[in-house]
Amino acid sequence: MDDDRETVAAIAQLYLGNILYALELAAIALEEQNKATDAAFYRGIARKLAEARGRESKRAS
């Protein structure tokens, strides 16, 4: 990736699958610690990212 394209958005888009996976692992670990509210928070972040990506894909079509 060129330095001029290394924005937060570009990097997040490139690694979105990895980010979503890590958020789910965090949520699972939090659930195991009986922290359901915290787990829901991280799943909410993942859901917002996935929905934004879906809207972006629809616009590109």
PDB file of N, CA and C in Angstrom:
ATOM      1  N   MET A   1       0.843  -1.168   0.000  1.00  0.00           N
ATOM      2  CA  MET A   1       0.000   0.000   0.000  1.00  0.00           C
ATOM      3  C   MET A   1       0.892   1.237   0.000  1.00  0.00           C
ATOM      4  N   ASP A   2       0.616   2.201  -0.858  1.00  0.00           N
ATOM      5  CA  ASP A   2       1.384   3.438  -0.925  1.00  0.00           C
ATOM      6  C   ASP A   2       1.142   4.284   0.308  1.00  0.00           C
ATOM      7  N   ASP A   3       2.137   5.079   0.688  1.00  0.00           N
ATOM      8  CA  ASP A   3       2.008   5.937   1.866  1.00  0.00           C
ATOM      9  C   ASP A   3       0.845   6.901   1.754  1.00  0.00           C
ATOM     10  N   ASP A   4       0.560   7.412   0.547  1.00  0.00           N
ATOM     11  CA  ASP A   4      -0.517   8.390   0.394  1.00  0.00           C
ATOM     12  C   ASP A   4      -1.902   7.745   0.520  1.00  0.00           C
ATOM     13  N   ARG A   5      -1.998   6.425   0.504  1.00  0.00           N
ATOM     14  CA  ARG A   5      -3.282   5.729   0.660  1.00  0.00           C
ATOM     15  C   ARG A   5      -3.454   5.165   2.063  1.00  0.00           C
ATOM     16  N   GLU A   6      -2.461   5.327   2.921  1.00  0.00           N
ATOM     17  CA  GLU A   6      -2.525   4.735   4.249  1.00  0.00           C
ATOM     18  C   GLU A   6      -3.319   5.603   5.214  1.00  0.00           C
ATOM     19  N   THR A   7      -4.592   5.773   4.906  1.00  0.00           N
ATOM     20  CA  THR A   7      -5.489   6.461   5.815  1.00  0.00           C
ATOM     21  C   THR A   7      -6.113   5.429   6.743  1.00  0.00           C
ATOM     22  N   VAL A   8      -6.691   5.895   7.826  1.00  0.00           N
ATOM     23  CA  VAL A   8      -7.367   4.982   8.744  1.00  0.00           C
ATOM     24  C   VAL A   8      -8.450   4.208   7.997  1.00  0.00           C
ATOM     25  N   ALA A   9      -9.222   4.911   7.177  1.00  0.00           N
ATOM     26  CA  ALA A   9     -10.314   4.265   6.442  1.00  0.00           C
ATOM     27  C   ALA A   9      -9.785   3.191   5.491  1.00  0.00           C
ATOM     28  N   ALA A  10      -8.715   3.495   4.785  1.00  0.00           N
ATOM     29  CA  ALA A  10      -8.166   2.528   3.831  1.00  0.00           C
ATOM     30  C   ALA A  10      -7.619   1.293   4.540  1.00  0.00           C
ATOM     31  N   ILE A  11      -6.938   1.503   5.650  1.00  0.00           N
ATOM     32  CA  ILE A  11      -6.380   0.375   6.389  1.00  0.00           C
ATOM     33  C   ILE A  11      -7.498  -0.457   7.007  1.00  0.00           C
ATOM     34  N   ALA A  12      -8.502   0.214   7.586  1.00  0.00           N
ATOM     35  CA  ALA A  12      -9.633  -0.501   8.180  1.00  0.00           C
ATOM     36  C   ALA A  12     -10.383  -1.307   7.133  1.00  0.00           C
ATOM     37  N   GLN A  13     -10.549  -0.733   5.942  1.00  0.00           N
ATOM     38  CA  GLN A  13     -11.237  -1.449   4.872  1.00  0.00           C
ATOM     39  C   GLN A  13     -10.444  -2.683   4.457  1.00  0.00           C
ATOM     40  N   LEU A  14      -9.147  -2.530   4.355  1.00  0.00           N
ATOM     41  CA  LEU A  14      -8.289  -3.644   3.953  1.00  0.00           C
ATOM     42  C   LEU A  14      -8.350  -4.799   4.958  1.00  0.00           C
ATOM     43  N   TYR A  15      -8.395  -4.467   6.226  1.00  0.00           N
ATOM     44  CA  TYR A  15      -8.355  -5.487   7.275  1.00  0.00           C
ATOM     45  C   TYR A  15      -9.687  -5.665   7.990  1.00  0.00           C
ATOM     46  N   LEU A  16     -10.790  -5.300   7.354  1.00  0.00           N
ATOM     47  CA  LEU A  16     -12.095  -5.343   8.000  1.00  0.00           C
ATOM     48  C   LEU A  16     -12.437  -6.736   8.531  1.00  0.00           C
ATOM     49  N   GLY A  17     -12.194  -7.757   7.761  1.00  0.00           N
ATOM     50  CA  GLY A  17     -12.487  -9.113   8.214  1.00  0.00           C
ATOM     51  C   GLY A  17     -11.734  -9.459   9.485  1.00  0.00           C
ATOM     52  N   ASN A  18     -10.462  -9.098   9.540  1.00  0.00           N
ATOM     53  CA  ASN A  18      -9.652  -9.350  10.730  1.00  0.00           C
ATOM     54  C   ASN A  18     -10.159  -8.551  11.925  1.00  0.00           C
ATOM     55  N   ILE A  19     -10.560  -7.321  11.687  1.00  0.00           N
ATOM     56  CA  ILE A  19     -11.083  -6.467  12.757  1.00  0.00           C
ATOM     57  C   ILE A  19     -12.379  -7.059  13.312  1.00  0.00           C
ATOM     58  N   LEU A  20     -13.269  -7.481  12.418  1.00  0.00           N
ATOM     59  CA  LEU A  20     -14.536  -8.073  12.868  1.00  0.00           C
ATOM     60  C   LEU A  20     -14.280  -9.353  13.665  1.00  0.00           C
ATOM     61  N   TYR A  21     -13.348 -10.150  13.221  1.00  0.00           N
ATOM     62  CA  TYR A  21     -12.997 -11.392  13.928  1.00  0.00           C
ATOM     63  C   TYR A  21     -12.467 -11.072  15.329  1.00  0.00           C
ATOM     64  N   ALA A  22     -11.578 -10.094  15.419  1.00  0.00           N
ATOM     65  CA  ALA A  22     -11.010  -9.721  16.713  1.00  0.00           C
ATOM     66  C   ALA A  22     -12.080  -9.165  17.649  1.00  0.00           C
ATOM     67  N   LEU A  23     -13.008  -8.380  17.120  1.00  0.00           N
ATOM     68  CA  LEU A  23     -14.102  -7.868  17.945  1.00  0.00           C
ATOM     69  C   LEU A  23     -14.968  -8.999  18.480  1.00  0.00           C
ATOM     70  N   GLU A  24     -15.220 -10.000  17.651  1.00  0.00           N
ATOM     71  CA  GLU A  24     -16.020 -11.143  18.109  1.00  0.00           C
ATOM     72  C   GLU A  24     -15.259 -11.949  19.170  1.00  0.00           C
ATOM     73  N   LEU A  25     -13.958 -12.131  18.992  1.00  0.00           N
ATOM     74  CA  LEU A  25     -13.167 -12.822  20.022  1.00  0.00           C
ATOM     75  C   LEU A  25     -13.212 -12.072  21.340  1.00  0.00           C
ATOM     76  N   ALA A  26     -13.132 -10.748  21.270  1.00  0.00           N
ATOM     77  CA  ALA A  26     -13.227  -9.936  22.478  1.00  0.00           C
ATOM     78  C   ALA A  26     -14.589 -10.118  23.130  1.00  0.00           C
ATOM     79  N   ALA A  27     -15.639 -10.125  22.333  1.00  0.00           N
ATOM     80  CA  ALA A  27     -16.992 -10.299  22.864  1.00  0.00           C
ATOM     81  C   ALA A  27     -17.153 -11.661  23.527  1.00  0.00           C
ATOM     82  N   ILE A  28     -16.621 -12.684  22.898  1.00  0.00           N
ATOM     83  CA  ILE A  28     -16.705 -14.032  23.478  1.00  0.00           C
ATOM     84  C   ILE A  28     -15.971 -14.071  24.822  1.00  0.00           C
ATOM     85  N   ALA A  29     -14.777 -13.496  24.861  1.00  0.00           N
ATOM     86  CA  ALA A  29     -14.003 -13.484  26.105  1.00  0.00           C
ATOM     87  C   ALA A  29     -14.749 -12.719  27.198  1.00  0.00           C
ATOM     88  N   LEU A  30     -15.376 -11.621  26.831  1.00  0.00           N
ATOM     89  CA  LEU A  30     -16.129 -10.840  27.810  1.00  0.00           C
ATOM     90  C   LEU A  30     -17.338 -11.609  28.324  1.00  0.00           C
ATOM     91  N   GLU A  31     -18.012 -12.323  27.440  1.00  0.00           N
ATOM     92  CA  GLU A  31     -19.136 -13.158  27.879  1.00  0.00           C
ATOM     93  C   GLU A  31     -18.682 -14.215  28.875  1.00  0.00           C
ATOM     94  N   GLU A  32     -17.516 -14.809  28.620  1.00  0.00           N
ATOM     95  CA  GLU A  32     -16.979 -15.823  29.531  1.00  0.00           C
ATOM     96  C   GLU A  32     -16.662 -15.228  30.901  1.00  0.00           C
ATOM     97  N   GLN A  33     -16.445 -13.916  30.949  1.00  0.00           N
ATOM     98  CA  GLN A  33     -16.174 -13.212  32.205  1.00  0.00           C
ATOM     99  C   GLN A  33     -17.461 -12.633  32.804  1.00  0.00           C
ATOM    100  N   ASN A  34     -18.609 -13.062  32.261  1.00  0.00           N
ATOM    101  CA  ASN A  34     -19.923 -12.575  32.713  1.00  0.00           C
ATOM    102  C   ASN A  34     -20.071 -11.062  32.550  1.00  0.00           C
ATOM    103  N   LYS A  35     -19.542 -10.544  31.445  1.00  0.00           N
ATOM    104  CA  LYS A  35     -19.642  -9.114  31.131  1.00  0.00           C
ATOM    105  C   LYS A  35     -20.441  -8.952  29.839  1.00  0.00           C
ATOM    106  N   ALA A  36     -21.709  -9.336  29.918  1.00  0.00           N
ATOM    107  CA  ALA A  36     -22.570  -9.337  28.734  1.00  0.00           C
ATOM    108  C   ALA A  36     -22.734  -7.940  28.135  1.00  0.00           C
ATOM    109  N   THR A  37     -22.820  -6.928  28.977  1.00  0.00           N
ATOM    110  CA  THR A  37     -22.986  -5.555  28.483  1.00  0.00           C
ATOM    111  C   THR A  37     -21.775  -5.126  27.670  1.00  0.00           C
ATOM    112  N   ASP A  38     -20.585  -5.445  28.165  1.00  0.00           N
ATOM    113  CA  ASP A  38     -19.363  -5.109  27.436  1.00  0.00           C
ATOM    114  C   ASP A  38     -19.270  -5.890  26.129  1.00  0.00           C
ATOM    115  N   ALA A  39     -19.667  -7.162  26.164  1.00  0.00           N
ATOM    116  CA  ALA A  39     -19.659  -7.983  24.950  1.00  0.00           C
ATOM    117  C   ALA A  39     -20.601  -7.388  23.909  1.00  0.00           C
ATOM    118  N   ALA A  40     -21.771  -6.959  24.344  1.00  0.00           N
ATOM    119  CA  ALA A  40     -22.736  -6.355  23.421  1.00  0.00           C
ATOM    120  C   ALA A  40     -22.183  -5.070  22.810  1.00  0.00           C
ATOM    121  N   PHE A  41     -21.431  -4.308  23.587  1.00  0.00           N
ATOM    122  CA  PHE A  41     -20.818  -3.079  23.078  1.00  0.00           C
ATOM    123  C   PHE A  41     -19.885  -3.392  21.902  1.00  0.00           C
ATOM    124  N   TYR A  42     -19.014  -4.389  22.067  1.00  0.00           N
ATOM    125  CA  TYR A  42     -18.078  -4.738  20.995  1.00  0.00           C
ATOM    126  C   TYR A  42     -18.792  -5.348  19.791  1.00  0.00           C
ATOM    127  N   ARG A  43     -19.836  -6.105  20.025  1.00  0.00           N
ATOM    128  CA  ARG A  43     -20.623  -6.636  18.907  1.00  0.00           C
ATOM    129  C   ARG A  43     -21.349  -5.503  18.183  1.00  0.00           C
ATOM    130  N   GLY A  44     -21.739  -4.482  18.915  1.00  0.00           N
ATOM    131  CA  GLY A  44     -22.368  -3.316  18.293  1.00  0.00           C
ATOM    132  C   GLY A  44     -21.407  -2.586  17.372  1.00  0.00           C
ATOM    133  N   ILE A  45     -20.165  -2.458  17.795  1.00  0.00           N
ATOM    134  CA  ILE A  45     -19.142  -1.848  16.940  1.00  0.00           C
ATOM    135  C   ILE A  45     -18.979  -2.676  15.667  1.00  0.00           C
ATOM    136  N   ALA A  46     -18.885  -3.986  15.815  1.00  0.00           N
ATOM    137  CA  ALA A  46     -18.721  -4.867  14.662  1.00  0.00           C
ATOM    138  C   ALA A  46     -19.912  -4.748  13.716  1.00  0.00           C
ATOM    139  N   ARG A  47     -21.106  -4.689  14.277  1.00  0.00           N
ATOM    140  CA  ARG A  47     -22.315  -4.575  13.447  1.00  0.00           C
ATOM    141  C   ARG A  47     -22.309  -3.269  12.657  1.00  0.00           C
ATOM    142  N   LYS A  48     -21.930  -2.166  13.304  1.00  0.00           N
ATOM    143  CA  LYS A  48     -21.874  -0.882  12.606  1.00  0.00           C
ATOM    144  C   LYS A  48     -20.848  -0.915  11.466  1.00  0.00           C
ATOM    145  N   LEU A  49     -19.700  -1.514  11.714  1.00  0.00           N
ATOM    146  CA  LEU A  49     -18.681  -1.620  10.663  1.00  0.00           C
ATOM    147  C   LEU A  49     -19.176  -2.473   9.499  1.00  0.00           C
ATOM    148  N   ALA A  50     -19.791  -3.604   9.804  1.00  0.00           N
ATOM    149  CA  ALA A  50     -20.293  -4.498   8.750  1.00  0.00           C
ATOM    150  C   ALA A  50     -21.409  -3.835   7.955  1.00  0.00           C
ATOM    151  N   GLU A  51     -22.307  -3.130   8.630  1.00  0.00           N
ATOM    152  CA  GLU A  51     -23.389  -2.437   7.927  1.00  0.00           C
ATOM    153  C   GLU A  51     -22.848  -1.334   7.034  1.00  0.00           C
ATOM    154  N   ALA A  52     -21.857  -0.599   7.515  1.00  0.00           N
ATOM    155  CA  ALA A  52     -21.250   0.464   6.706  1.00  0.00           C
ATOM    156  C   ALA A  52     -20.597  -0.122   5.466  1.00  0.00           C
ATOM    157  N   ARG A  53     -19.936  -1.249   5.626  1.00  0.00           N
ATOM    158  CA  ARG A  53     -19.301  -1.911   4.474  1.00  0.00           C
ATOM    159  C   ARG A  53     -20.358  -2.369   3.477  1.00  0.00           C
ATOM    160  N   GLY A  54     -21.472  -2.885   3.974  1.00  0.00           N
ATOM    161  CA  GLY A  54     -22.554  -3.304   3.089  1.00  0.00           C
ATOM    162  C   GLY A  54     -23.120  -2.142   2.294  1.00  0.00           C
ATOM    163  N   ARG A  55     -23.333  -1.004   2.959  1.00  0.00           N
ATOM    164  CA  ARG A  55     -23.833   0.182   2.244  1.00  0.00           C
ATOM    165  C   ARG A  55     -22.827   0.647   1.202  1.00  0.00           C
ATOM    166  N   GLU A  56     -21.560   0.601   1.554  1.00  0.00           N
ATOM    167  CA  GLU A  56     -20.498   1.007   0.636  1.00  0.00           C
ATOM    168  C   GLU A  56     -20.485   0.097  -0.597  1.00  0.00           C
ATOM    169  N   SER A  57     -20.645  -1.197  -0.392  1.00  0.00           N
ATOM    170  CA  SER A  57     -20.645  -2.147  -1.495  1.00  0.00           C
ATOM    171  C   SER A  57     -21.851  -1.927  -2.424  1.00  0.00           C
ATOM    172  N   LYS A  58     -23.012  -1.632  -1.838  1.00  0.00           N
ATOM    173  CA  LYS A  58     -24.203  -1.379  -2.641  1.00  0.00           C
ATOM    174  C   LYS A  58     -24.022  -0.141  -3.510  1.00  0.00           C
ATOM    175  N   ARG A  59     -23.409   0.915  -2.955  1.00  0.00           N
ATOM    176  CA  ARG A  59     -23.183   2.142  -3.726  1.00  0.00           C
ATOM    177  C   ARG A  59     -22.207   1.913  -4.874  1.00  0.00           C
ATOM    178  N   ALA A  60     -21.234   1.032  -4.655  1.00  0.00           N
ATOM    179  CA  ALA A  60     -20.237   0.752  -5.688  1.00  0.00           C
ATOM    180  C   ALA A  60     -20.801  -0.065  -6.834  1.00  0.00           C
ATOM    181  N   SER A  61     -21.913  -0.746  -6.602  1.00  0.00           N
ATOM    182  CA  SER A  61     -22.510  -1.616  -7.625  1.00  0.00           C
ATOM    183  C   SER A  61     -23.259  -0.833  -8.667  1.00  0.00           C
TER     184      SER A  61
END
